[in-house]
C-alpha atoms as a PDB file:
ATOM      1  CA  UNK A   1       5.253  55.214 174.284  1.00  0.00           C
ATOM      2  CA  UNK A   2       6.565  55.340 170.739  1.00  0.00           C
ATOM      3  CA  UNK A   3       4.668  53.480 168.125  1.00  0.00           C
ATOM      4  CA  UNK A   4       6.152  52.421 164.833  1.00  0.00           C
ATOM      5  CA  UNK A   5       4.048  51.129 162.040  1.00  0.00           C
ATOM      6  CA  UNK A   6       5.349  48.813 159.428  1.00  0.00           C
ATOM      7  CA  UNK A   7       3.685  48.856 156.095  1.00  0.00           C
ATOM      8  CA  UNK A   8       3.461  45.928 153.823  1.00  0.00           C
ATOM      9  CA  UNK A   9       3.358  46.843 150.203  1.00  0.00           C
ATOM     10  CA  UNK A  10       2.312  44.600 147.437  1.00  0.00           C
ATOM     11  CA  UNK A  11       3.015  45.138 143.794  1.00  0.00           C
ATOM     12  CA  UNK A  12       1.722  42.869 141.135  1.00  0.00           C
ATOM     13  CA  UNK A  13       2.950  43.149 137.599  1.00  0.00           C
ATOM     14  CA  UNK A  14       1.129  41.061 135.065  1.00  0.00           C
ATOM     15  CA  UNK A  15       2.670  40.460 131.711  1.00  0.00           C
ATOM     16  CA  UNK A  16       2.402  37.872 129.005  1.00  0.00           C
ATOM     17  CA  UNK A  17       1.609  34.288 129.981  1.00  0.00           C
ATOM     18  CA  UNK A  18       5.289  33.405 129.501  1.00  0.00           C
ATOM     19  CA  UNK A  19       6.295  35.872 132.177  1.00  0.00           C
ATOM     20  CA  UNK A  20       5.511  35.776 135.853  1.00  0.00           C
ATOM     21  CA  UNK A  21       3.376  37.652 138.303  1.00  0.00           C
ATOM     22  CA  UNK A  22       5.724  39.021 140.935  1.00  0.00           C
ATOM     23  CA  UNK A  23       4.543  39.781 144.437  1.00  0.00           C
ATOM     24  CA  UNK A  24       6.839  41.671 146.815  1.00  0.00           C
ATOM     25  CA  UNK A  25       6.321  42.629 150.417  1.00  0.00           C
ATOM     26  CA  UNK A  26       8.353  44.935 152.644  1.00  0.00           C
ATOM     27  CA  UNK A  27       9.606  41.967 154.647  1.00  0.00           C
ATOM     28  CA  UNK A  28      10.465  39.996 151.520  1.00  0.00           C
ATOM     29  CA  UNK A  29      12.695  42.239 149.440  1.00  0.00           C
ATOM     30  CA  UNK A  30      13.536  39.605 146.860  1.00  0.00           C
ATOM     31  CA  UNK A  31      10.926  36.905 146.372  1.00  0.00           C
ATOM     32  CA  UNK A  32      11.852  33.840 144.371  1.00  0.00           C
ATOM     33  CA  UNK A  33      10.843  34.444 140.768  1.00  0.00           C
ATOM     34  CA  UNK A  34       8.135  31.948 139.847  1.00  0.00           C
ATOM     35  CA  UNK A  35       5.686  31.696 136.973  1.00  0.00           C
ATOM     36  CA  UNK A  36       2.157  32.898 137.525  1.00  0.00           C
ATOM     37  CA  UNK A  37      -0.113  30.356 139.150  1.00  0.00           C
ATOM     38  CA  UNK A  38      -1.897  29.877 135.841  1.00  0.00           C
ATOM     39  CA  UNK A  39       1.385  29.279 133.978  1.00  0.00           C
ATOM     40  CA  UNK A  40       3.174  25.969 134.244  1.00  0.00           C
ATOM     41  CA  UNK A  41       6.806  26.064 133.061  1.00  0.00           C
ATOM     42  CA  UNK A  42       6.397  22.537 131.700  1.00  0.00           C
ATOM     43  CA  UNK A  43       3.584  23.753 129.466  1.00  0.00           C
ATOM     44  CA  UNK A  44       5.621  26.606 128.024  1.00  0.00           C
ATOM     45  CA  UNK A  45       7.129  26.374 124.567  1.00  0.00           C
ATOM     46  CA  UNK A  46      10.912  26.256 124.328  1.00  0.00           C
ATOM     47  CA  UNK A  47      10.964  29.887 123.166  1.00  0.00           C
ATOM     48  CA  UNK A  48       8.837  30.953 126.134  1.00  0.00           C
ATOM     49  CA  UNK A  49      11.213  29.119 128.468  1.00  0.00           C
ATOM     50  CA  UNK A  50      14.209  30.994 127.040  1.00  0.00           C
ATOM     51  CA  UNK A  51      12.382  34.299 127.586  1.00  0.00           C
ATOM     52  CA  UNK A  52      11.459  33.208 131.095  1.00  0.00           C
ATOM     53  CA  UNK A  53      15.130  32.401 131.835  1.00  0.00           C
ATOM     54  CA  UNK A  54      15.981  35.950 130.794  1.00  0.00           C
ATOM     55  CA  UNK A  55      13.405  37.325 133.241  1.00  0.00           C
ATOM     56  CA  UNK A  56      14.882  35.210 136.029  1.00  0.00           C
ATOM     57  CA  UNK A  57      18.405  36.484 135.242  1.00  0.00           C
ATOM     58  CA  UNK A  58      17.199  40.098 135.275  1.00  0.00           C
ATOM     59  CA  UNK A  59      15.668  39.526 138.729  1.00  0.00           C
ATOM     60  CA  UNK A  60      19.150  38.686 140.025  1.00  0.00           C
ATOM     61  CA  UNK A  61      20.516  42.148 139.163  1.00  0.00           C
ATOM     62  CA  UNK A  62      22.016  43.528 142.354  1.00  0.00           C
ATOM     63  CA  UNK A  63      23.033  40.141 143.770  1.00  0.00           C
ATOM     64  CA  UNK A  64      26.754  39.711 144.417  1.00  0.00           C
ATOM     65  CA  UNK A  65      29.299  37.762 142.424  1.00  0.00           C
ATOM     66  CA  UNK A  66      30.838  34.838 144.252  1.00  0.00           C
ATOM     67  CA  UNK A  67      33.199  32.434 142.532  1.00  0.00           C
ATOM     68  CA  UNK A  68      31.738  28.921 142.303  1.00  0.00           C
ATOM     69  CA  UNK A  69      28.258  30.008 143.377  1.00  0.00           C
ATOM     70  CA  UNK A  70      25.043  29.117 141.560  1.00  0.00           C
ATOM     71  CA  UNK A  71      22.441  30.971 143.613  1.00  0.00           C
ATOM     72  CA  UNK A  72      20.004  31.735 144.889  1.00  0.00           C
ATOM     73  CA  UNK A  73      21.620  34.921 146.276  1.00  0.00           C
ATOM     74  CA  UNK A  74      25.200  34.885 144.901  1.00  0.00           C
ATOM     75  CA  UNK A  75      26.419  33.731 141.509  1.00  0.00           C
ATOM     76  CA  UNK A  76      29.386  33.376 139.246  1.00  0.00           C
ATOM     77  CA  UNK A  77      28.815  33.842 135.515  1.00  0.00           C
ATOM     78  CA  UNK A  78      27.877  30.282 134.599  1.00  0.00           C
ATOM     79  CA  UNK A  79      26.035  29.824 137.881  1.00  0.00           C
ATOM     80  CA  UNK A  80      23.740  32.703 136.934  1.00  0.00           C
ATOM     81  CA  UNK A  81      22.884  31.288 133.522  1.00  0.00           C
ATOM     82  CA  UNK A  82      22.524  27.732 134.839  1.00  0.00           C
ATOM     83  CA  UNK A  83      20.218  28.923 137.649  1.00  0.00           C
ATOM     84  CA  UNK A  84      18.114  31.084 135.321  1.00  0.00           C
ATOM     85  CA  UNK A  85      17.612  28.340 132.777  1.00  0.00           C
ATOM     86  CA  UNK A  86      16.930  25.749 135.494  1.00  0.00           C
ATOM     87  CA  UNK A  87      14.074  27.933 136.779  1.00  0.00           C
ATOM     88  CA  UNK A  88      12.727  27.802 133.216  1.00  0.00           C
ATOM     89  CA  UNK A  89      12.975  24.010 133.144  1.00  0.00           C
ATOM     90  CA  UNK A  90      16.082  23.807 130.928  1.00  0.00           C
ATOM     91  CA  UNK A  91      19.235  22.089 132.174  1.00  0.00           C
ATOM     92  CA  UNK A  92      22.622  23.580 131.381  1.00  0.00           C
ATOM     93  CA  UNK A  93      26.105  22.325 132.292  1.00  0.00           C
ATOM     94  CA  UNK A  94      27.819  24.084 135.211  1.00  0.00           C
ATOM     95  CA  UNK A  95      30.737  25.752 133.390  1.00  0.00           C
ATOM     96  CA  UNK A  96      30.733  28.450 130.711  1.00  0.00           C
ATOM     97  CA  UNK A  97      32.741  26.153 128.426  1.00  0.00           C
ATOM     98  CA  UNK A  98      30.220  23.345 128.954  1.00  0.00           C
ATOM     99  CA  UNK A  99      27.342  25.718 128.298  1.00  0.00           C
ATOM    100  CA  UNK A 100      28.962  26.856 125.054  1.00  0.00           C
ATOM    101  CA  UNK A 101      29.141  23.226 123.936  1.00  0.00           C
ATOM    102  CA  UNK A 102      25.458  22.701 124.847  1.00  0.00           C
ATOM    103  CA  UNK A 103      24.134  25.560 122.723  1.00  0.00           C
ATOM    104  CA  UNK A 104      23.679  26.099 119.012  1.00  0.00           C
ATOM    105  CA  UNK A 105      25.758  28.970 117.699  1.00  0.00           C
ATOM    106  CA  UNK A 106      23.982  31.991 116.267  1.00  0.00           C
ATOM    107  CA  UNK A 107      25.441  35.077 114.663  1.00  0.00           C
ATOM    108  CA  UNK A 108      25.660  38.202 116.763  1.00  0.00           C
ATOM    109  CA  UNK A 109      23.093  39.956 114.592  1.00  0.00           C
ATOM    110  CA  UNK A 110      20.608  37.100 115.175  1.00  0.00           C
ATOM    111  CA  UNK A 111      20.765  37.178 118.971  1.00  0.00           C
ATOM    112  CA  UNK A 112      17.408  37.225 120.728  1.00  0.00           C
ATOM    113  CA  UNK A 113      16.466  37.899 124.341  1.00  0.00           C
ATOM    114  CA  UNK A 114      17.678  35.100 126.571  1.00  0.00           C
ATOM    115  CA  UNK A 115      20.407  33.872 124.214  1.00  0.00           C
ATOM    116  CA  UNK A 116      23.868  33.404 125.679  1.00  0.00           C
ATOM    117  CA  UNK A 117      27.089  35.251 124.922  1.00  0.00           C
ATOM    118  CA  UNK A 118      30.346  33.333 125.298  1.00  0.00           C
ATOM    119  CA  UNK A 119      33.576  35.257 125.787  1.00  0.00           C
ATOM    120  CA  UNK A 120      36.734  33.511 124.645  1.00  0.00           C
ATOM    121  CA  UNK A 121      40.481  33.866 124.399  1.00  0.00           C
ATOM    122  CA  UNK A 122      42.706  31.548 122.427  1.00  0.00           C
ATOM    123  CA  UNK A 123      39.834  29.155 121.814  1.00  0.00           C
ATOM    124  CA  UNK A 124      38.914  28.852 125.508  1.00  0.00           C
ATOM    125  CA  UNK A 125      35.565  30.138 126.770  1.00  0.00           C
ATOM    126  CA  UNK A 126      36.155  32.011 130.023  1.00  0.00           C
ATOM    127  CA  UNK A 127      32.883  33.919 130.608  1.00  0.00           C
ATOM    128  CA  UNK A 128      29.169  33.731 129.799  1.00  0.00           C
ATOM    129  CA  UNK A 129      26.502  36.439 129.838  1.00  0.00           C
ATOM    130  CA  UNK A 130      22.851  36.594 128.809  1.00  0.00           C
ATOM    131  CA  UNK A 131      21.779  38.797 125.916  1.00  0.00           C
ATOM    132  CA  UNK A 132      19.066  41.332 126.761  1.00  0.00           C
ATOM    133  CA  UNK A 133      18.775  43.612 123.747  1.00  0.00           C
ATOM    134  CA  UNK A 134      20.386  45.812 121.150  1.00  0.00           C
ATOM    135  CA  UNK A 135      20.461  49.480 122.151  1.00  0.00           C
ATOM    136  CA  UNK A 136      21.929  52.232 119.979  1.00  0.00           C
ATOM    137  CA  UNK A 137      23.934  49.656 118.034  1.00  0.00           C
ATOM    138  CA  UNK A 138      25.393  48.069 121.163  1.00  0.00           C
ATOM    139  CA  UNK A 139      24.660  44.801 122.894  1.00  0.00           C
ATOM    140  CA  UNK A 140      23.185  45.001 126.382  1.00  0.00           C
ATOM    141  CA  UNK A 141      23.692  41.912 128.525  1.00  0.00           C
ATOM    142  CA  UNK A 142      23.224  40.783 132.108  1.00  0.00           C
ATOM    143  CA  UNK A 143      26.126  39.001 133.763  1.00  0.00           C
ATOM    144  CA  UNK A 144      27.970  38.179 136.936  1.00  0.00           C
ATOM    145  CA  UNK A 145      31.323  39.877 136.358  1.00  0.00           C
ATOM    146  CA  UNK A 146      33.877  39.240 139.087  1.00  0.00           C
ATOM    147  CA  UNK A 147      34.554  39.384 142.809  1.00  0.00           C
ATOM    148  CA  UNK A 148      33.504  42.684 144.340  1.00  0.00           C
ATOM    149  CA  UNK A 149      30.866  43.361 141.690  1.00  0.00           C
ATOM    150  CA  UNK A 150      27.138  42.909 141.600  1.00  0.00           C
ATOM    151  CA  UNK A 151      25.195  41.233 138.833  1.00  0.00           C
ATOM    152  CA  UNK A 152      24.340  43.992 136.408  1.00  0.00           C
ATOM    153  CA  UNK A 153      23.370  45.102 132.941  1.00  0.00           C
ATOM    154  CA  UNK A 154      26.491  45.836 130.961  1.00  0.00           C
ATOM    155  CA  UNK A 155      27.990  46.085 127.482  1.00  0.00           C
ATOM    156  CA  UNK A 156      30.733  43.739 126.249  1.00  0.00           C
ATOM    157  CA  UNK A 157      34.300  44.917 126.904  1.00  0.00           C
ATOM    158  CA  UNK A 158      35.627  42.975 123.912  1.00  0.00           C
ATOM    159  CA  UNK A 159      34.506  41.723 120.518  1.00  0.00           C
ATOM    160  CA  UNK A 160      35.911  38.251 121.268  1.00  0.00           C
ATOM    161  CA  UNK A 161      32.603  36.562 121.946  1.00  0.00           C
ATOM    162  CA  UNK A 162      30.043  34.492 120.092  1.00  0.00           C
ATOM    163  CA  UNK A 163      26.352  33.853 120.527  1.00  0.00           C
ATOM    164  CA  UNK A 164      24.659  30.615 121.490  1.00  0.00           C
ATOM    165  CA  UNK A 165      20.993  29.771 121.753  1.00  0.00           C
ATOM    166  CA  UNK A 166      18.711  27.169 123.216  1.00  0.00           C
ATOM    167  CA  UNK A 167      15.792  28.324 121.082  1.00  0.00           C
ATOM    168  CA  UNK A 168      14.432  25.833 118.545  1.00  0.00           C
ATOM    169  CA  UNK A 169      15.824  26.043 115.009  1.00  0.00           C
ATOM    170  CA  UNK A 170      12.478  27.020 113.515  1.00  0.00           C
ATOM    171  CA  UNK A 171       9.987  29.278 115.247  1.00  0.00           C
ATOM    172  CA  UNK A 172       7.391  27.280 117.083  1.00  0.00           C
ATOM    173  CA  UNK A 173       4.087  27.580 115.334  1.00  0.00           C
ATOM    174  CA  UNK A 174       0.616  27.564 116.713  1.00  0.00           C
ATOM    175  CA  UNK A 175      -1.508  24.793 115.294  1.00  0.00           C
ATOM    176  CA  UNK A 176      -4.407  26.281 113.415  1.00  0.00           C
ATOM    177  CA  UNK A 177      -7.631  24.538 112.620  1.00  0.00           C
ATOM    178  CA  UNK A 178      -7.638  23.595 108.965  1.00  0.00           C
ATOM    179  CA  UNK A 179     -10.906  24.045 107.091  1.00  0.00           C
ATOM    180  CA  UNK A 180     -12.565  20.832 106.057  1.00  0.00           C
ATOM    181  CA  UNK A 181     -12.827  20.500 102.267  1.00  0.00           C
END
């Protein structure tokens, strides 16, 4: 009699309170990305929510593009950003054009993790991606490209794009106890 053993592996990665604890098992290759039990999305600052949305989008890398899809396993470009921000408790319109209208523009040099990149032609927004970082002078983004492709990290193929953010205008500040005089 042949015996096969199946192993269940568990990996836990703890990060900052704004990021999640991820638990994966062999039978669950892609768990839904949720905040740590001690972190409530509603209690996060707006900046933390934007960073959390970026983490959600990165977790979708490897999923397939599907036109008109907004998750949880297939996405088009605006479906990916809408899904990621929804997991962070921020509502976005369904289309890339609608999302562009819902964000505050920021210069390319002022992009921060989780900000959005809107690709345009002739004044029409046709694609949205999420900014990840600057690397060697180039933008690195995550996006759902087109049919037949998986969600992936990529660099822009054109300079015809602008940045948009959902971060607050001024950095959120921690309230400090003021000395009594």
